[in-house]
Amino acid sequence: MKAEYDFANGNRGAIVPNKGKTRISIFIDNAILDVFRTRAAAAGTGYQTMMNEALKRFLAQEDTSCIDCSDTSTAVFASHGEGWPSQTFTG
């Protein structure tokens, strides 16, 4: 190992660019994140992948006007069952 390295011509960022995806930082309710992490672990997949799939299904729905996102904490956990999170929950 060298004593010193020269990064003067280096580039910041991922070594291999991730095409088709963008890294973001968002705030998610703790309860929502806990459910995704638990379900993802049980399914043997990543929770971010599962969240991405849930968002895709949500956007694919023809009528999303019935979804009330103002208070999902009680609605999501009161009725999450088979098929969650593909089900529609209202507050």
N, C-alpha and C. Protein backbone atom coordinates (compact mmCIF):
# COMPACT_ATOMS: atom_id res chain seq x y z
N MET A 1 0.84 -1.18 0.00
CA MET A 1 0.00 0.00 0.00
C MET A 1 0.89 1.24 0.00
N LYS A 2 0.51 2.21 -0.80
CA LYS A 2 1.28 3.44 -0.88
C LYS A 2 1.05 4.28 0.37
N ALA A 3 2.02 5.09 0.70
CA ALA A 3 1.89 5.99 1.84
C ALA A 3 0.93 7.14 1.52
N GLU A 4 0.83 7.51 0.24
CA GLU A 4 -0.03 8.62 -0.15
C GLU A 4 -0.58 8.36 -1.55
N TYR A 5 -1.83 8.74 -1.77
CA TYR A 5 -2.47 8.59 -3.06
C TYR A 5 -2.88 9.95 -3.59
N ASP A 6 -2.82 10.12 -4.92
CA ASP A 6 -3.18 11.38 -5.57
C ASP A 6 -4.54 11.23 -6.24
N PHE A 7 -5.54 11.91 -5.70
CA PHE A 7 -6.88 11.87 -6.25
C PHE A 7 -7.22 13.15 -7.02
N ALA A 8 -6.23 13.89 -7.45
CA ALA A 8 -6.44 15.16 -8.14
C ALA A 8 -7.29 14.99 -9.40
N ASN A 9 -7.16 13.88 -10.09
CA ASN A 9 -7.91 13.64 -11.33
C ASN A 9 -9.06 12.66 -11.12
N GLY A 10 -9.42 12.42 -9.89
CA GLY A 10 -10.49 11.47 -9.58
C GLY A 10 -11.86 12.07 -9.81
N ASN A 11 -12.83 11.20 -9.97
CA ASN A 11 -14.23 11.60 -10.14
C ASN A 11 -15.03 11.15 -8.93
N ARG A 12 -15.93 12.01 -8.45
CA ARG A 12 -16.81 11.65 -7.34
C ARG A 12 -17.98 10.84 -7.85
N GLY A 13 -18.52 10.01 -6.99
CA GLY A 13 -19.72 9.27 -7.34
C GLY A 13 -19.46 7.78 -7.40
N ALA A 14 -20.49 7.07 -7.81
CA ALA A 14 -20.41 5.62 -7.89
C ALA A 14 -19.42 5.20 -8.96
N ILE A 15 -18.73 4.11 -8.71
CA ILE A 15 -17.78 3.59 -9.69
C ILE A 15 -18.53 3.13 -10.93
N VAL A 16 -19.62 2.40 -10.72
CA VAL A 16 -20.47 1.96 -11.82
C VAL A 16 -21.79 2.72 -11.69
N PRO A 17 -22.12 3.56 -12.66
CA PRO A 17 -23.36 4.32 -12.56
C PRO A 17 -24.57 3.39 -12.54
N ASN A 18 -25.58 3.76 -11.78
CA ASN A 18 -26.81 2.97 -11.64
C ASN A 18 -27.85 3.55 -12.58
N LYS A 19 -27.91 3.01 -13.79
CA LYS A 19 -28.82 3.55 -14.81
C LYS A 19 -30.26 3.23 -14.48
N GLY A 20 -31.12 4.22 -14.62
CA GLY A 20 -32.54 4.02 -14.41
C GLY A 20 -33.01 4.27 -12.99
N LYS A 21 -32.08 4.54 -12.08
CA LYS A 21 -32.45 4.81 -10.69
C LYS A 21 -31.67 6.01 -10.20
N THR A 22 -32.27 6.74 -9.26
CA THR A 22 -31.65 7.92 -8.69
C THR A 22 -31.65 7.79 -7.18
N ARG A 23 -30.52 8.07 -6.56
CA ARG A 23 -30.43 8.05 -5.10
C ARG A 23 -31.06 9.33 -4.56
N ILE A 24 -32.00 9.16 -3.63
CA ILE A 24 -32.64 10.31 -3.00
C ILE A 24 -32.65 10.11 -1.49
N SER A 25 -32.97 11.15 -0.79
CA SER A 25 -33.12 11.08 0.66
C SER A 25 -34.52 11.58 0.99
N ILE A 26 -35.32 10.71 1.65
CA ILE A 26 -36.70 11.09 2.00
C ILE A 26 -36.99 10.70 3.44
N PHE A 27 -38.02 11.30 4.00
CA PHE A 27 -38.49 10.95 5.34
C PHE A 27 -39.69 10.02 5.20
N ILE A 28 -39.61 8.87 5.85
CA ILE A 28 -40.68 7.87 5.86
C ILE A 28 -41.08 7.65 7.31
N ASP A 29 -42.37 7.53 7.57
CA ASP A 29 -42.81 7.22 8.93
C ASP A 29 -42.13 5.95 9.42
N ASN A 30 -41.71 5.93 10.68
CA ASN A 30 -41.03 4.78 11.25
C ASN A 30 -41.87 3.51 11.14
N ALA A 31 -43.16 3.63 11.40
CA ALA A 31 -44.05 2.46 11.35
C ALA A 31 -44.12 1.88 9.94
N ILE A 32 -44.17 2.73 8.94
CA ILE A 32 -44.21 2.28 7.54
C ILE A 32 -42.90 1.56 7.21
N LEU A 33 -41.80 2.17 7.56
CA LEU A 33 -40.49 1.58 7.27
C LEU A 33 -40.32 0.24 7.97
N ASP A 34 -40.78 0.13 9.21
CA ASP A 34 -40.68 -1.13 9.95
C ASP A 34 -41.44 -2.25 9.25
N VAL A 35 -42.64 -1.93 8.73
CA VAL A 35 -43.43 -2.95 8.03
C VAL A 35 -42.71 -3.39 6.76
N PHE A 36 -42.20 -2.44 5.99
CA PHE A 36 -41.49 -2.80 4.77
C PHE A 36 -40.25 -3.63 5.07
N ARG A 37 -39.49 -3.26 6.09
CA ARG A 37 -38.29 -4.02 6.44
C ARG A 37 -38.64 -5.43 6.88
N THR A 38 -39.68 -5.58 7.69
CA THR A 38 -40.10 -6.90 8.17
C THR A 38 -40.57 -7.77 7.01
N ARG A 39 -41.42 -7.22 6.16
CA ARG A 39 -41.94 -7.99 5.03
C ARG A 39 -40.86 -8.32 4.02
N ALA A 40 -39.94 -7.39 3.79
CA ALA A 40 -38.85 -7.65 2.85
C ALA A 40 -37.94 -8.75 3.37
N ALA A 41 -37.65 -8.73 4.66
CA ALA A 41 -36.80 -9.78 5.24
C ALA A 41 -37.48 -11.14 5.10
N ALA A 42 -38.78 -11.20 5.34
CA ALA A 42 -39.52 -12.45 5.23
C ALA A 42 -39.56 -12.94 3.78
N ALA A 43 -39.59 -12.00 2.83
CA ALA A 43 -39.65 -12.36 1.41
C ALA A 43 -38.27 -12.60 0.81
N GLY A 44 -37.23 -12.25 1.56
CA GLY A 44 -35.87 -12.43 1.05
C GLY A 44 -35.46 -11.41 0.01
N THR A 45 -36.00 -10.21 0.14
CA THR A 45 -35.67 -9.13 -0.79
C THR A 45 -35.33 -7.89 0.01
N GLY A 46 -34.95 -6.83 -0.67
CA GLY A 46 -34.63 -5.58 0.01
C GLY A 46 -35.86 -4.73 0.23
N TYR A 47 -35.88 -4.00 1.33
CA TYR A 47 -37.06 -3.17 1.63
C TYR A 47 -37.20 -2.04 0.62
N GLN A 48 -36.09 -1.51 0.11
CA GLN A 48 -36.20 -0.44 -0.88
C GLN A 48 -36.78 -0.96 -2.19
N THR A 49 -36.43 -2.18 -2.55
CA THR A 49 -37.00 -2.81 -3.74
C THR A 49 -38.50 -2.99 -3.55
N MET A 50 -38.89 -3.44 -2.36
CA MET A 50 -40.31 -3.65 -2.08
C MET A 50 -41.07 -2.32 -2.10
N MET A 51 -40.48 -1.26 -1.55
CA MET A 51 -41.11 0.06 -1.58
C MET A 51 -41.25 0.56 -3.01
N ASN A 52 -40.24 0.33 -3.82
CA ASN A 52 -40.27 0.74 -5.22
C ASN A 52 -41.40 0.02 -5.96
N GLU A 53 -41.55 -1.28 -5.70
CA GLU A 53 -42.62 -2.04 -6.34
C GLU A 53 -44.00 -1.55 -5.89
N ALA A 54 -44.13 -1.21 -4.60
CA ALA A 54 -45.40 -0.69 -4.09
C ALA A 54 -45.74 0.64 -4.77
N LEU A 55 -44.75 1.48 -4.95
CA LEU A 55 -44.98 2.76 -5.63
C LEU A 55 -45.36 2.54 -7.09
N LYS A 56 -44.74 1.59 -7.75
CA LYS A 56 -45.10 1.28 -9.14
C LYS A 56 -46.55 0.82 -9.23
N ARG A 57 -46.96 -0.07 -8.30
CA ARG A 57 -48.34 -0.54 -8.31
C ARG A 57 -49.31 0.61 -8.05
N PHE A 58 -48.95 1.48 -7.13
CA PHE A 58 -49.80 2.63 -6.84
C PHE A 58 -49.98 3.50 -8.08
N LEU A 59 -48.90 3.78 -8.78
CA LEU A 59 -48.98 4.63 -9.97
C LEU A 59 -49.71 3.96 -11.12
N ALA A 60 -49.73 2.64 -11.12
CA ALA A 60 -50.40 1.90 -12.19
C ALA A 60 -51.91 1.83 -12.00
N GLN A 61 -52.39 2.16 -10.82
CA GLN A 61 -53.83 2.12 -10.57
C GLN A 61 -54.53 3.18 -11.41
N GLU A 62 -55.69 2.83 -11.91
CA GLU A 62 -56.44 3.78 -12.74
C GLU A 62 -57.02 4.92 -11.91
N ASP A 63 -57.54 4.62 -10.73
CA ASP A 63 -58.17 5.65 -9.91
C ASP A 63 -57.47 5.73 -8.56
N THR A 64 -56.59 6.72 -8.40
CA THR A 64 -55.88 6.88 -7.14
C THR A 64 -56.46 8.01 -6.31
N SER A 65 -57.57 8.60 -6.76
CA SER A 65 -58.14 9.73 -6.05
C SER A 65 -58.74 9.34 -4.70
N CYS A 66 -59.02 8.04 -4.49
CA CYS A 66 -59.65 7.62 -3.24
C CYS A 66 -58.64 7.44 -2.11
N ILE A 67 -57.37 7.53 -2.41
CA ILE A 67 -56.36 7.31 -1.38
C ILE A 67 -56.12 8.58 -0.59
N ASP A 68 -56.24 8.47 0.73
CA ASP A 68 -56.01 9.59 1.62
C ASP A 68 -54.65 9.40 2.28
N CYS A 69 -53.68 10.19 1.85
CA CYS A 69 -52.33 10.05 2.37
C CYS A 69 -52.09 10.90 3.61
N SER A 70 -53.08 11.60 4.09
CA SER A 70 -52.87 12.49 5.23
C SER A 70 -52.63 11.74 6.52
N ASP A 71 -53.27 10.57 6.69
CA ASP A 71 -53.06 9.81 7.93
C ASP A 71 -53.09 8.32 7.60
N THR A 72 -51.97 7.79 7.12
CA THR A 72 -51.94 6.39 6.74
C THR A 72 -51.55 5.49 7.89
N SER A 73 -51.05 6.04 9.00
CA SER A 73 -50.51 5.19 10.05
C SER A 73 -51.54 4.22 10.61
N THR A 74 -52.76 4.66 10.87
CA THR A 74 -53.75 3.74 11.44
C THR A 74 -54.36 2.86 10.36
N ALA A 75 -54.59 3.41 9.19
CA ALA A 75 -55.23 2.63 8.14
C ALA A 75 -54.35 1.49 7.66
N VAL A 76 -53.09 1.75 7.47
CA VAL A 76 -52.18 0.73 6.96
C VAL A 76 -52.06 -0.42 7.93
N PHE A 77 -51.88 -0.15 9.19
CA PHE A 77 -51.63 -1.20 10.15
C PHE A 77 -52.90 -1.85 10.67
N ALA A 78 -54.02 -1.19 10.52
CA ALA A 78 -55.28 -1.79 10.95
C ALA A 78 -55.70 -2.89 10.00
N SER A 79 -55.29 -2.80 8.73
CA SER A 79 -55.81 -3.77 7.77
C SER A 79 -54.74 -4.38 6.87
N HIS A 80 -53.47 -4.29 7.23
CA HIS A 80 -52.49 -4.92 6.33
C HIS A 80 -52.59 -6.43 6.47
N GLY A 81 -52.75 -7.05 5.33
CA GLY A 81 -52.92 -8.50 5.29
C GLY A 81 -52.41 -9.01 3.97
N GLU A 82 -53.02 -10.07 3.46
CA GLU A 82 -52.59 -10.64 2.20
C GLU A 82 -52.60 -9.58 1.11
N GLY A 83 -51.54 -9.54 0.34
CA GLY A 83 -51.47 -8.60 -0.76
C GLY A 83 -50.95 -7.23 -0.41
N TRP A 84 -50.74 -6.97 0.90
CA TRP A 84 -50.23 -5.66 1.27
C TRP A 84 -48.83 -5.53 0.75
N PRO A 85 -48.39 -4.43 0.17
CA PRO A 85 -49.02 -3.13 0.14
C PRO A 85 -49.77 -2.82 -1.13
N SER A 86 -50.19 -3.84 -1.91
CA SER A 86 -50.89 -3.56 -3.15
C SER A 86 -52.34 -3.15 -2.92
N GLN A 87 -52.85 -3.33 -1.70
CA GLN A 87 -54.21 -2.91 -1.40
C GLN A 87 -54.29 -1.40 -1.25
N THR A 88 -55.47 -0.86 -1.46
CA THR A 88 -55.70 0.56 -1.29
C THR A 88 -56.18 0.81 0.14
N PHE A 89 -55.55 1.73 0.85
CA PHE A 89 -55.92 2.06 2.21
C PHE A 89 -56.37 3.50 2.28
N THR A 90 -57.44 3.75 2.97
CA THR A 90 -57.90 5.11 3.17
C THR A 90 -57.93 5.41 4.65
N GLY A 91 -57.78 6.67 4.99
CA GLY A 91 -57.72 7.07 6.39
C GLY A 91 -59.04 7.17 7.06
